[in-house]
Amino acid sequence: MMITRRDLLAKAGSAATLGVGLALDVSFRQTTASLPMTDSPPRGDFAIPRDQTYLNSAYVHPMPVRAAAAVQGYLATRTFQLPRQRSGDLIAAEVKLAFARLINASPASVCLVQSTSVAENLVVNGLGLPGSSNTVVTDALHFDGSLVLYGELARRGLGVSVVRPRNWRITIDDLAAALDSRTKLVAVSLVSWYNGFQHDLAAVCQLAHARGAYVYADIVQAAGNTPIDVQATGVDFCGCSTFKWLMGDFGLGFLYVREDLLDRVIHRTQVGYQQADVEMHYLASDPPADQPITWALHRDAAGHFEVGTYSQAAVNALAVSLPYLQRVGVASIHESRQPLLRRLHEALPRLGWTPITPPETTSALVTFTLPGAESRFAARLQAAKISVSLYGDRMRVSPAIFNSPDDIETLIDVLA
């Protein structure tokens, strides 16, 4: 079924009308009561100034105004202007459930982490890769921070193969050629931060599993804008931060781990109070108990990888943004941007830009190159109040739920 922008607007409008999510309380309603909604949704669900054209959500996605209000409501409790209505742990449990639904995972397989990079490190260390005789296969379109991780491990003796792209794609045949009998992990970005190339994750998992390896997918440029089904793909581990397409904030992310791998394949490498039910004894008995506390570690993903405190502000934002995404529908968001991407692929080559995003890619970002792009266009784009990512010769454009065809035409006009 073809989904039109009008359908998306209607769904987003109903999302704003139906409520503000899981963290709704008295303080939140007080904070949001005065928020102006001067544009129609979904643009009106964000506080982007009308004279700005924001096409840079792959860098940082704007937070919905109601999610920001939830954070403000939480901060009011931190300054003791308002009483706390609900515990952070209760909100966090609901947020994890909402994310699990978003990727079709069981709640027990999802836990909170500080960032995408922390998630990948937990997987690498939990598999016992550092110092082992196993090998890792990754590719050059994976996140650059991840390539630093595997490069450092390679310096310390871990076998690492980095597959190079052909025509800005990573082929399944080239991945297969890099695997050997010692490969334990294949680590990829589902959607590349560099050019938006999207792996066929089910095919990658089928290949790796047939060779006795496991798959980690960085989903930070996919979660919230591209449908993800961890059950259907068979992916073993995936991680993401929340400040991009999940519309949350810095300092909080998610890690998914297949439940049947816990303790059998992947193990705890850090231990903290979030992982356990604790009973305190201390000096309550006479004579004092041998142990001041007793505890039982949880057996789910949280019991393996959550250690201590997490960002309460980000949890409160997600308590609004994740239900918002669920009501609008990730599939609708994915479908609505395709005409915008097609228009960029059509117009920019005529202006001398070379696309390095495969034309069949439907992910949320598209990248073009032009010699001297940053020096030639940075000031012009800034003057026009257009935000994209410019890196030397490379320009990355990433339209989001609130962008319209007019935004794309504005960018094209300035580049022309």
Protein backbone atom coordinates (compact mmCIF):
# COMPACT_ATOMS: atom_id res chain seq x y z
CA MET A 1 0.00 0.00 0.00
CA MET A 2 1.36 3.43 -0.95
CA ILE A 3 1.53 5.78 2.03
CA THR A 4 1.20 9.46 1.20
CA ARG A 5 2.52 12.41 3.12
CA ARG A 6 -1.09 13.28 3.98
CA ASP A 7 -1.45 9.86 5.64
CA LEU A 8 1.71 10.54 7.63
CA LEU A 9 0.48 13.95 8.70
CA ALA A 10 -2.80 12.47 9.85
CA LYS A 11 -1.03 9.79 11.87
CA ALA A 12 1.34 12.28 13.45
CA GLY A 13 -1.57 14.56 14.27
CA SER A 14 -3.38 11.72 16.00
CA ALA A 15 -0.20 10.94 17.92
CA ALA A 16 -0.11 14.48 19.28
CA THR A 17 -3.80 14.33 20.15
CA LEU A 18 -3.75 10.91 21.80
CA GLY A 19 -1.26 11.96 24.46
CA VAL A 20 2.35 12.41 25.32
CA GLY A 21 3.42 8.91 26.16
CA LEU A 22 4.25 6.75 29.09
CA ALA A 23 5.61 9.43 31.41
CA LEU A 24 2.48 11.58 31.57
CA ASP A 25 2.00 13.06 35.04
CA VAL A 26 0.77 16.27 36.67
CA SER A 27 4.08 18.13 36.32
CA PHE A 28 4.34 17.11 32.67
CA ARG A 29 0.85 18.37 31.88
CA GLN A 30 1.68 21.66 33.59
CA THR A 31 4.84 22.02 31.53
CA THR A 32 3.26 21.23 28.15
CA ALA A 33 0.10 23.27 28.64
CA SER A 34 1.65 26.49 27.29
CA LEU A 35 3.58 25.00 24.37
CA PRO A 36 2.61 26.68 21.09
CA MET A 37 1.89 24.47 18.09
CA THR A 38 2.06 26.94 15.23
CA ASP A 39 2.62 24.46 12.38
CA SER A 40 0.67 21.41 11.35
CA PRO A 41 2.12 18.07 12.45
CA PRO A 42 4.61 16.61 12.08
CA ARG A 43 6.51 19.92 11.65
CA GLY A 44 4.46 21.36 14.49
CA ASP A 45 5.56 18.56 16.79
CA PHE A 46 9.08 20.05 16.71
CA ALA A 47 10.33 23.50 17.69
CA ILE A 48 12.50 24.04 14.61
CA PRO A 49 12.30 27.74 13.67
CA ARG A 50 10.29 28.32 10.53
CA ASP A 51 13.16 30.03 8.72
CA GLN A 52 15.46 27.03 9.20
CA THR A 53 15.75 23.99 6.93
CA TYR A 54 17.02 21.11 9.00
CA LEU A 55 18.17 18.16 6.88
CA ASN A 56 20.73 16.77 9.31
CA SER A 57 18.92 14.27 11.55
CA ALA A 58 21.56 11.61 10.93
CA TYR A 59 23.81 13.91 12.98
CA VAL A 60 21.36 14.83 15.76
CA HIS A 61 17.59 14.43 15.49
CA PRO A 62 15.53 17.25 16.99
CA MET A 63 13.65 16.26 20.11
CA PRO A 64 9.85 16.62 19.88
CA VAL A 65 8.59 19.54 21.93
CA ARG A 66 6.57 17.27 24.17
CA ALA A 67 9.57 15.06 24.82
CA ALA A 68 11.59 18.16 25.70
CA ALA A 69 8.76 19.21 28.00
CA ALA A 70 8.94 15.83 29.73
CA VAL A 71 12.63 16.48 30.37
CA GLN A 72 11.80 19.94 31.72
CA GLY A 73 9.20 18.38 33.98
CA TYR A 74 11.80 15.93 35.26
CA LEU A 75 14.31 18.75 35.83
CA ALA A 76 11.69 20.56 37.89
CA THR A 77 11.70 17.59 40.24
CA ARG A 78 15.51 17.75 40.41
CA THR A 79 15.33 21.36 41.59
CA PHE A 80 12.51 20.33 43.95
CA GLN A 81 10.03 22.74 42.39
CA LEU A 82 7.72 19.79 41.80
CA PRO A 83 7.36 16.41 43.51
CA ARG A 84 8.41 13.30 41.60
CA GLN A 85 5.32 11.41 40.47
CA ARG A 86 6.91 8.19 39.19
CA SER A 87 10.21 6.43 39.76
CA GLY A 88 12.86 6.50 37.08
CA ASP A 89 13.13 2.70 37.15
CA LEU A 90 9.44 2.35 36.37
CA ILE A 91 9.71 4.74 33.43
CA ALA A 92 12.86 2.96 32.25
CA ALA A 93 11.05 -0.39 32.28
CA GLU A 94 8.30 1.06 30.09
CA VAL A 95 10.86 2.63 27.75
CA LYS A 96 12.65 -0.70 27.29
CA LEU A 97 9.32 -2.35 26.53
CA ALA A 98 8.54 0.34 23.93
CA PHE A 99 11.92 -0.13 22.24
CA ALA A 100 11.52 -3.90 22.28
CA ARG A 101 8.22 -3.50 20.43
CA LEU A 102 9.87 -1.17 17.93
CA ILE A 103 12.38 -3.86 16.86
CA ASN A 104 10.15 -6.91 17.55
CA ALA A 105 12.24 -8.16 20.46
CA SER A 106 11.31 -9.72 23.77
CA PRO A 107 11.56 -7.25 26.68
CA ALA A 108 14.05 -9.52 28.45
CA SER A 109 16.48 -9.19 25.53
CA VAL A 110 16.76 -5.39 25.76
CA CYS A 111 18.77 -3.32 28.22
CA LEU A 112 19.97 0.25 28.69
CA VAL A 113 23.53 1.31 27.89
CA GLN A 114 25.24 4.68 27.67
CA SER A 115 25.84 4.71 23.90
CA THR A 116 26.17 2.66 20.72
CA SER A 117 29.90 2.36 21.28
CA VAL A 118 29.39 1.02 24.79
CA ALA A 119 26.95 -1.56 23.40
CA GLU A 120 29.50 -2.81 20.86
CA ASN A 121 32.27 -2.94 23.47
CA LEU A 122 30.04 -4.96 25.80
CA VAL A 123 29.42 -7.47 23.01
CA VAL A 124 33.10 -7.70 22.03
CA ASN A 125 34.23 -8.17 25.62
CA GLY A 126 31.30 -10.42 26.53
CA LEU A 127 32.28 -12.77 23.71
CA GLY A 128 35.82 -12.91 25.08
CA LEU A 129 37.37 -11.67 21.84
CA PRO A 130 40.30 -9.61 23.22
CA GLY A 131 43.31 -11.86 23.59
CA SER A 132 41.60 -14.84 21.95
CA SER A 133 42.50 -16.79 18.83
CA ASN A 134 39.17 -15.86 17.24
CA THR A 135 38.78 -13.33 14.42
CA VAL A 136 36.38 -10.50 13.61
CA VAL A 137 35.06 -9.50 10.20
CA THR A 138 33.82 -5.95 9.71
CA ASP A 139 33.64 -3.53 6.78
CA ALA A 140 34.92 -0.08 5.87
CA LEU A 141 31.41 1.42 5.90
CA HIS A 142 30.98 0.52 9.58
CA PHE A 143 31.05 3.42 12.07
CA ASP A 144 34.50 4.96 12.27
CA GLY A 145 34.55 4.65 16.07
CA SER A 146 33.98 0.92 15.66
CA LEU A 147 36.88 0.70 13.22
CA VAL A 148 39.03 2.34 15.89
CA LEU A 149 37.88 -0.35 18.35
CA TYR A 150 38.79 -3.22 16.01
CA GLY A 151 41.98 -1.51 14.90
CA GLU A 152 43.18 -1.28 18.49
CA LEU A 153 42.27 -4.93 19.09
CA ALA A 154 44.18 -5.86 15.94
CA ARG A 155 47.24 -4.06 17.32
CA ARG A 156 46.96 -6.27 20.39
CA GLY A 157 46.89 -9.43 18.33
CA LEU A 158 43.22 -10.05 17.44
CA GLY A 159 42.64 -11.17 13.87
CA VAL A 160 40.50 -8.52 12.13
CA SER A 161 39.41 -8.40 8.48
CA VAL A 162 37.97 -5.17 7.06
CA VAL A 163 35.97 -5.66 3.86
CA ARG A 164 36.25 -2.78 1.38
CA PRO A 165 33.23 -1.52 -0.58
CA ARG A 166 32.73 -1.95 -4.30
CA ASN A 167 30.67 0.78 -5.94
CA TRP A 168 29.93 1.99 -2.42
CA ARG A 169 28.33 -1.34 -1.48
CA ILE A 170 29.48 -4.21 0.72
CA THR A 171 28.67 -7.41 -1.11
CA ILE A 172 27.69 -10.62 0.61
CA ASP A 173 30.28 -12.45 -1.50
CA ASP A 174 33.09 -10.24 -0.22
CA LEU A 175 31.91 -10.76 3.35
CA ALA A 176 31.86 -14.51 2.77
CA ALA A 177 35.39 -14.45 1.41
CA ALA A 178 36.62 -12.72 4.58
CA LEU A 179 35.18 -15.32 6.99
CA ASP A 180 37.31 -18.22 8.13
CA SER A 181 37.01 -21.06 10.61
CA ARG A 182 38.12 -18.79 13.47
CA THR A 183 35.64 -15.97 12.81
CA LYS A 184 33.45 -15.47 15.86
CA LEU A 185 31.87 -12.08 15.11
CA VAL A 186 30.70 -10.20 12.04
CA ALA A 187 30.21 -6.53 12.98
CA VAL A 188 28.42 -4.16 10.61
CA SER A 189 26.28 -1.05 10.57
CA LEU A 190 22.80 -1.89 9.34
CA VAL A 191 22.81 1.57 7.73
CA SER A 192 26.20 3.15 7.16
CA TRP A 193 26.73 6.56 8.72
CA TYR A 194 29.03 7.39 5.81
CA ASN A 195 26.79 6.96 2.78
CA GLY A 196 23.55 5.32 3.89
CA PHE A 197 24.33 1.90 2.38
CA GLN A 198 22.03 -0.67 3.98
CA HIS A 199 23.00 -4.29 4.53
CA ASP A 200 20.60 -7.14 3.93
CA LEU A 201 20.83 -8.07 7.59
CA ALA A 202 19.02 -11.39 7.21
CA ALA A 203 21.50 -12.43 4.51
CA VAL A 204 24.46 -11.37 6.65
CA CYS A 205 23.12 -13.39 9.58
CA GLN A 206 22.43 -16.43 7.44
CA LEU A 207 26.00 -16.32 6.12
CA ALA A 208 27.59 -15.83 9.55
CA HIS A 209 25.50 -18.48 11.29
CA ALA A 210 26.31 -21.01 8.57
CA ARG A 211 30.00 -20.41 9.35
CA GLY A 212 29.52 -20.62 13.13
CA ALA A 213 29.84 -16.86 13.72
CA TYR A 214 27.57 -14.30 15.37
CA VAL A 215 26.43 -10.90 14.10
CA TYR A 216 26.48 -7.50 15.79
CA ALA A 217 24.60 -4.70 14.00
CA ASP A 218 24.95 -1.01 14.79
CA ILE A 219 21.39 0.20 14.21
CA VAL A 220 21.78 3.83 15.27
CA GLN A 221 21.09 5.14 11.74
CA ALA A 222 18.11 2.80 11.30
CA ALA A 223 16.19 2.50 14.58
CA GLY A 224 13.27 4.91 14.41
CA ASN A 225 13.38 5.53 10.66
CA THR A 226 13.64 2.06 9.10
CA PRO A 227 11.60 -1.03 10.04
CA ILE A 228 13.72 -3.49 12.04
CA ASP A 229 12.69 -7.02 12.98
CA VAL A 230 15.36 -8.77 15.03
CA GLN A 231 13.38 -12.01 15.03
CA ALA A 232 13.03 -12.13 11.26
CA THR A 233 16.65 -11.21 10.54
CA GLY A 234 18.09 -13.51 13.20
CA VAL A 235 20.61 -10.88 14.34
CA ASP A 236 22.40 -11.84 17.55
CA PHE A 237 23.27 -8.42 18.96
CA CYS A 238 22.47 -4.84 18.07
CA GLY A 239 22.96 -1.49 19.70
CA CYS A 240 22.09 2.17 19.28
CA SER A 241 22.12 5.52 20.99
CA THR A 242 18.88 7.48 21.35
CA PHE A 243 19.80 11.04 20.32
CA LYS A 244 19.36 10.33 16.62
CA TRP A 245 16.21 8.84 15.08
CA LEU A 246 14.72 7.69 18.42
CA MET A 247 14.43 11.41 19.28
CA GLY A 248 15.87 10.97 22.77
CA ASP A 249 19.08 12.45 24.11
CA PHE A 250 22.79 11.87 24.61
CA GLY A 251 24.04 9.50 27.28
CA LEU A 252 21.51 6.70 26.78
CA GLY A 253 21.11 3.86 24.32
CA PHE A 254 19.90 0.30 23.94
CA LEU A 255 21.56 -3.08 23.59
CA TYR A 256 19.68 -6.09 22.24
CA VAL A 257 21.05 -9.59 22.92
CA ARG A 258 19.37 -12.83 21.88
CA GLU A 259 18.19 -14.40 25.11
CA ASP A 260 19.42 -17.89 24.28
CA LEU A 261 22.99 -16.56 24.03
CA LEU A 262 23.12 -15.15 27.56
CA ASP A 263 25.65 -17.03 29.73
CA ARG A 264 26.05 -19.66 27.00
CA VAL A 265 27.86 -17.50 24.42
CA ILE A 266 28.06 -14.01 25.87
CA HIS A 267 28.91 -13.25 29.50
CA ARG A 268 29.02 -10.43 32.01
CA THR A 269 32.23 -8.41 32.02
CA GLN A 270 31.00 -5.76 34.48
CA VAL A 271 28.83 -6.15 37.59
CA GLY A 272 26.73 -3.54 39.37
CA TYR A 273 23.65 -3.11 41.48
CA GLN A 274 21.30 -2.71 38.51
CA GLN A 275 21.92 -6.37 37.68
CA ALA A 276 20.78 -7.80 40.99
CA ASP A 277 18.09 -8.06 43.63
CA VAL A 278 19.90 -7.10 46.83
CA GLU A 279 18.94 -7.88 50.42
CA MET A 280 20.82 -5.89 53.05
CA HIS A 281 21.79 -7.40 56.43
CA TYR A 282 24.68 -5.34 57.78
CA LEU A 283 24.42 -5.15 61.57
CA ALA A 284 20.74 -5.91 61.82
CA SER A 285 21.36 -9.29 63.44
CA ASP A 286 23.15 -10.15 66.66
CA PRO A 287 25.68 -11.53 66.17
CA PRO A 288 26.23 -9.76 62.80
CA ALA A 289 25.67 -11.83 59.66
CA ASP A 290 28.75 -13.18 57.86
CA GLN A 291 27.65 -11.36 54.72
CA PRO A 292 26.44 -7.73 54.93
CA ILE A 293 24.30 -8.36 51.85
CA THR A 294 22.99 -11.23 49.78
CA TRP A 295 21.99 -10.91 46.16
CA ALA A 296 20.59 -12.72 43.13
CA LEU A 297 21.69 -11.65 39.65
CA HIS A 298 18.96 -11.16 37.09
CA ARG A 299 19.14 -13.55 34.16
CA ASP A 300 17.89 -11.21 31.41
CA ALA A 301 19.91 -8.76 29.29
CA ALA A 302 19.59 -6.04 31.93
CA GLY A 303 21.01 -8.46 34.49
CA HIS A 304 24.06 -8.90 32.31
CA PHE A 305 24.82 -5.45 30.97
CA GLU A 306 23.18 -2.72 33.04
CA VAL A 307 25.61 -1.67 35.73
CA GLY A 308 24.73 1.58 37.49
CA THR A 309 22.85 4.83 37.01
CA TYR A 310 21.60 6.00 33.63
CA SER A 311 20.39 9.30 32.22
CA GLN A 312 17.05 10.03 33.85
CA ALA A 313 16.47 13.03 31.56
CA ALA A 314 16.93 10.87 28.46
CA VAL A 315 14.60 8.19 29.85
CA ASN A 316 11.88 10.81 30.33
CA ALA A 317 12.36 12.03 26.76
CA LEU A 318 12.08 8.49 25.39
CA ALA A 319 8.93 7.90 27.39
CA VAL A 320 7.33 10.37 25.00
CA SER A 321 9.28 9.94 21.76
CA LEU A 322 9.03 6.14 21.52
CA PRO A 323 5.21 6.07 21.81
CA TYR A 324 5.17 8.93 19.29
CA LEU A 325 7.19 6.80 16.85
CA GLN A 326 4.94 3.82 17.45
CA ARG A 327 1.79 5.80 16.71
CA VAL A 328 3.15 7.51 13.61
CA GLY A 329 4.65 4.23 12.43
CA VAL A 330 8.25 3.64 11.38
CA ALA A 331 7.03 2.12 8.11
CA SER A 332 5.14 5.35 7.38
CA ILE A 333 8.23 7.44 8.12
CA HIS A 334 10.28 5.19 5.84
CA GLU A 335 7.77 5.43 3.01
CA SER A 336 7.24 9.18 3.28
CA ARG A 337 10.88 10.07 2.68
CA GLN A 338 11.34 8.05 -0.51
CA PRO A 339 10.12 10.85 -2.85
CA LEU A 340 12.53 13.24 -1.11
CA LEU A 341 15.45 10.86 -1.66
CA ARG A 342 14.48 10.29 -5.29
CA ARG A 343 14.38 14.04 -5.88
CA LEU A 344 17.90 14.45 -4.48
CA HIS A 345 19.20 11.60 -6.65
CA GLU A 346 17.60 13.27 -9.65
CA ALA A 347 18.61 16.89 -9.08
CA LEU A 348 22.06 16.94 -7.50
CA PRO A 349 23.98 15.07 -10.25
CA ARG A 350 22.75 17.76 -12.65
CA LEU A 351 24.52 20.27 -10.43
CA GLY A 352 27.80 18.33 -10.56
CA TRP A 353 27.44 16.25 -7.39
CA THR A 354 28.39 12.56 -7.55
CA PRO A 355 26.15 10.22 -5.53
CA ILE A 356 27.97 7.66 -3.38
CA THR A 357 24.73 6.27 -1.95
CA PRO A 358 23.49 3.34 -4.04
CA PRO A 359 20.27 4.44 -5.78
CA GLU A 360 18.39 1.37 -4.52
CA THR A 361 19.11 2.33 -0.91
CA THR A 362 16.01 3.47 0.97
CA SER A 363 17.69 4.46 4.24
CA ALA A 364 17.28 7.90 5.76
CA LEU A 365 20.50 9.46 4.49
CA VAL A 366 21.98 10.11 1.09
CA THR A 367 25.54 11.29 0.38
CA PHE A 368 27.10 13.13 -2.54
CA THR A 369 30.63 14.30 -3.30
CA LEU A 370 31.94 17.38 -5.05
CA PRO A 371 35.53 18.66 -5.01
CA GLY A 372 35.83 21.40 -2.39
CA ALA A 373 32.21 21.01 -1.29
CA GLU A 374 32.74 22.24 2.25
CA SER A 375 34.80 25.30 1.33
CA ARG A 376 32.48 26.19 -1.54
CA PHE A 377 29.10 25.75 0.13
CA ALA A 378 29.42 25.91 3.93
CA ALA A 379 28.99 29.68 4.16
CA ARG A 380 26.21 29.71 1.57
CA LEU A 381 24.25 27.01 3.39
CA GLN A 382 24.78 28.71 6.73
CA ALA A 383 23.51 32.00 5.34
CA ALA A 384 20.41 30.24 4.02
CA LYS A 385 19.95 28.54 7.44
CA ILE A 386 20.16 25.07 5.92
CA SER A 387 21.71 22.31 8.02
CA VAL A 388 23.32 19.29 6.36
CA SER A 389 26.58 17.47 7.14
CA LEU A 390 29.56 18.74 5.14
CA TYR A 391 32.88 16.93 5.44
CA GLY A 392 35.52 18.09 2.97
CA ASP A 393 34.29 16.89 -0.42
CA ARG A 394 31.28 15.06 1.00
CA MET A 395 27.74 16.22 1.77
CA ARG A 396 25.29 14.04 3.69
CA VAL A 397 21.57 14.90 3.61
CA SER A 398 19.20 13.15 6.00
CA PRO A 399 15.52 14.13 5.78
CA ALA A 400 13.28 13.28 8.71
CA ILE A 401 9.61 13.03 9.56
CA PHE A 402 9.16 16.83 9.62
CA ASN A 403 10.79 17.54 6.25
CA SER A 404 8.76 18.37 3.16
CA PRO A 405 9.45 18.56 -0.59
CA ASP A 406 9.83 22.31 -0.11
CA ASP A 407 12.84 21.68 2.16
CA ILE A 408 14.50 19.65 -0.57
CA GLU A 409 13.83 22.33 -3.17
CA THR A 410 15.28 24.97 -0.85
CA LEU A 411 18.50 22.97 -0.60
CA ILE A 412 18.63 22.40 -4.36
CA ASP A 413 18.12 26.13 -5.05
CA VAL A 414 20.97 27.13 -2.74
CA LEU A 415 23.32 24.52 -4.22
CA ALA A 416 22.45 25.76 -7.70
